[in-house]
Protein backbone atom coordinates (compact mmCIF):
# COMPACT_ATOMS: atom_id res chain seq x y z
CA UNK A 1 29.53 -62.70 -57.87
CA UNK A 2 32.11 -61.24 -55.64
CA UNK A 3 30.38 -62.41 -52.40
CA UNK A 4 30.21 -65.92 -53.89
CA UNK A 5 34.04 -65.99 -54.64
CA UNK A 6 34.59 -64.81 -51.42
CA UNK A 7 32.65 -67.59 -49.60
CA UNK A 8 34.14 -69.98 -52.04
CA UNK A 9 37.65 -69.17 -51.37
CA UNK A 10 37.46 -69.10 -47.39
CA UNK A 11 35.52 -72.26 -47.31
CA UNK A 12 37.92 -74.00 -49.09
CA UNK A 13 41.08 -72.59 -47.55
CA UNK A 14 39.89 -72.48 -43.84
CA UNK A 15 38.59 -75.57 -42.90
CA UNK A 16 38.88 -76.36 -39.37
CA UNK A 17 37.11 -78.50 -36.63
CA UNK A 18 37.98 -74.96 -34.40
CA UNK A 19 36.40 -72.89 -36.84
CA UNK A 20 32.86 -72.21 -38.55
CA UNK A 21 33.19 -70.51 -41.58
CA UNK A 22 29.97 -68.52 -40.52
CA UNK A 23 29.21 -65.85 -42.89
CA UNK A 24 28.41 -62.22 -41.55
CA UNK A 25 27.08 -60.85 -44.43
CA UNK A 26 23.72 -59.77 -43.43
CA UNK A 27 22.64 -55.92 -44.44
CA UNK A 28 24.08 -53.10 -42.35
CA UNK A 29 27.17 -52.54 -40.75
CA UNK A 30 28.65 -55.99 -41.42
CA UNK A 31 27.61 -56.06 -45.24
CA UNK A 32 31.66 -56.03 -46.03
CA UNK A 33 32.74 -58.79 -43.23
CA UNK A 34 33.18 -62.24 -43.77
CA UNK A 35 34.02 -63.97 -40.43
CA UNK A 36 36.55 -66.89 -40.53
CA UNK A 37 36.84 -68.23 -36.90
CA UNK A 38 35.62 -67.48 -33.44
CA UNK A 39 37.88 -68.24 -30.75
CA UNK A 40 37.57 -67.88 -26.92
CA UNK A 41 38.93 -64.75 -26.97
CA UNK A 42 38.88 -63.10 -30.30
CA UNK A 43 37.07 -63.15 -33.86
CA UNK A 44 38.90 -63.35 -36.92
CA UNK A 45 37.37 -62.00 -40.16
CA UNK A 46 38.21 -60.47 -43.72
CA UNK A 47 36.66 -56.86 -44.27
CA UNK A 48 36.39 -55.79 -47.86
CA UNK A 49 37.17 -51.72 -48.60
CA UNK A 50 37.35 -49.89 -51.40
CA UNK A 51 40.78 -49.79 -53.15
CA UNK A 52 42.87 -46.59 -52.04
CA UNK A 53 41.45 -43.75 -54.52
CA UNK A 54 38.69 -45.93 -55.90
CA UNK A 55 35.13 -45.51 -55.78
CA UNK A 56 33.56 -46.42 -52.42
CA UNK A 57 30.61 -48.51 -53.96
CA UNK A 58 33.46 -50.90 -55.29
CA UNK A 59 34.84 -52.95 -52.39
CA UNK A 60 37.62 -54.72 -53.88
CA UNK A 61 40.15 -54.35 -51.16
CA UNK A 62 40.81 -56.85 -48.10
CA UNK A 63 42.09 -56.80 -44.83
CA UNK A 64 42.40 -59.53 -42.15
CA UNK A 65 40.97 -58.19 -39.00
CA UNK A 66 41.44 -59.68 -35.58
CA UNK A 67 39.03 -58.28 -32.80
CA UNK A 68 39.63 -59.32 -29.28
CA UNK A 69 38.14 -58.95 -25.85
CA UNK A 70 40.42 -56.53 -24.76
CA UNK A 71 38.37 -53.91 -26.75
CA UNK A 72 41.03 -53.97 -29.67
CA UNK A 73 40.84 -54.50 -33.35
CA UNK A 74 44.01 -55.22 -35.34
CA UNK A 75 44.24 -55.00 -39.04
CA UNK A 76 46.74 -56.09 -41.41
CA UNK A 77 46.67 -55.55 -45.32
CA UNK A 78 48.79 -55.71 -48.33
CA UNK A 79 49.15 -52.50 -50.41
CA UNK A 80 51.00 -50.73 -53.19
CA UNK A 81 53.29 -48.18 -52.01
CA UNK A 82 52.53 -45.32 -54.14
CA UNK A 83 48.80 -46.58 -54.93
CA UNK A 84 47.55 -43.53 -56.36
CA UNK A 85 50.56 -43.12 -58.68
CA UNK A 86 49.66 -43.33 -62.43
CA UNK A 87 52.83 -45.19 -62.91
CA UNK A 88 51.64 -47.74 -60.30
CA UNK A 89 48.36 -48.16 -62.16
CA UNK A 90 49.78 -48.75 -65.42
CA UNK A 91 52.17 -51.16 -64.07
CA UNK A 92 49.27 -53.21 -62.45
CA UNK A 93 47.26 -53.08 -65.57
CA UNK A 94 49.90 -54.55 -67.66
CA UNK A 95 49.90 -57.11 -65.05
CA UNK A 96 53.48 -56.21 -64.07
CA UNK A 97 54.42 -56.20 -60.00
CA UNK A 98 55.05 -52.95 -58.08
CA UNK A 99 56.62 -52.42 -54.85
CA UNK A 100 54.21 -52.89 -51.86
CA UNK A 101 54.03 -53.03 -48.06
CA UNK A 102 52.30 -54.85 -45.35
CA UNK A 103 50.21 -52.19 -43.31
CA UNK A 104 49.15 -53.18 -39.71
CA UNK A 105 47.06 -50.81 -37.29
CA UNK A 106 45.34 -51.27 -34.13
CA UNK A 107 42.37 -49.56 -32.58
CA UNK A 108 40.50 -49.70 -29.48
CA UNK A 109 36.58 -49.81 -29.37
CA UNK A 110 33.81 -50.07 -26.92
CA UNK A 111 32.40 -53.34 -26.31
CA UNK A 112 29.86 -54.32 -23.65
CA UNK A 113 30.32 -57.46 -21.18
CA UNK A 114 33.89 -57.81 -21.53
CA UNK A 115 35.16 -61.29 -20.10
CA UNK A 116 38.95 -61.28 -19.50
CA UNK A 117 40.17 -64.53 -18.10
CA UNK A 118 43.84 -64.96 -18.53
CA UNK A 119 43.99 -67.79 -20.97
CA UNK A 120 41.63 -65.89 -23.33
CA UNK A 121 44.16 -62.87 -23.39
CA UNK A 122 46.98 -65.48 -24.06
CA UNK A 123 45.27 -66.75 -27.08
CA UNK A 124 44.62 -63.40 -28.49
CA UNK A 125 48.02 -62.24 -27.91
CA UNK A 126 49.44 -65.49 -29.49
CA UNK A 127 47.58 -64.81 -32.87
CA UNK A 128 48.43 -61.23 -32.94
CA UNK A 129 52.35 -62.40 -32.24
CA UNK A 130 52.05 -64.98 -35.18
CA UNK A 131 50.39 -62.67 -37.47
CA UNK A 132 52.86 -60.29 -36.80
CA UNK A 133 55.81 -63.14 -37.48
CA UNK A 134 53.88 -64.00 -40.72
CA UNK A 135 54.16 -60.64 -42.10
CA UNK A 136 57.56 -59.86 -41.10
CA UNK A 137 58.79 -63.35 -43.20
CA UNK A 138 56.35 -62.67 -45.93
CA UNK A 139 58.54 -63.63 -48.88
CA UNK A 140 56.83 -61.77 -51.68
CA UNK A 141 56.88 -57.82 -51.42
CA UNK A 142 55.78 -56.98 -54.76
CA UNK A 143 52.12 -56.80 -55.16
CA UNK A 144 50.84 -58.27 -58.56
CA UNK A 145 47.16 -58.20 -59.61
CA UNK A 146 47.11 -61.71 -60.37
CA UNK A 147 49.69 -63.76 -58.61
CA UNK A 148 50.33 -61.96 -55.28
CA UNK A 149 47.59 -59.53 -54.42
CA UNK A 150 45.77 -58.19 -51.28
CA UNK A 151 43.35 -61.18 -51.36
CA UNK A 152 46.31 -63.79 -51.66
CA UNK A 153 47.86 -62.14 -48.72
CA UNK A 154 44.62 -61.98 -46.64
CA UNK A 155 43.93 -65.61 -47.40
CA UNK A 156 47.36 -66.86 -46.38
CA UNK A 157 47.50 -64.84 -43.22
CA UNK A 158 43.81 -66.18 -42.32
CA UNK A 159 45.21 -69.56 -43.28
CA UNK A 160 48.45 -69.25 -41.27
CA UNK A 161 46.44 -68.10 -38.09
CA UNK A 162 43.83 -70.93 -38.45
CA UNK A 163 46.26 -73.73 -38.75
CA UNK A 164 48.26 -72.05 -35.55
CA UNK A 165 45.64 -72.82 -33.54
CA UNK A 166 44.79 -76.51 -34.50
């Protein structure tokens, strides 16, 4: 059910001639990865993960991932400030908002056959800057389990990045 919902949301929100909503839901290491767009220099996808402090078999949390040809992986997600606090959990369960933050991380990885034409590096750099700008101006800083959660943040960010290259 969760996979069907993810597929429908992405197909509805991210329709673009630049992007194929190719779904990388094959078994193995890409099981929790939904590809949104493949550009010349990077790959934009949503990656699911368990909630902070939650069971590993229940990947309900989502991150936006931008993988570039410069062997870097940029991730953005939206999480409660005190995710494992009992008061935070109580507020979320009764559908109240809690203070949240947008997290960003960048990691390097090994990749074979990397091509680095300057126009491709510019495209990846532009996407990273646009993502950071979106995060800096994201208006809703409280996480609400229904109205403003990690999924709504991720889909808005992915849609923003998709629109920026049309």
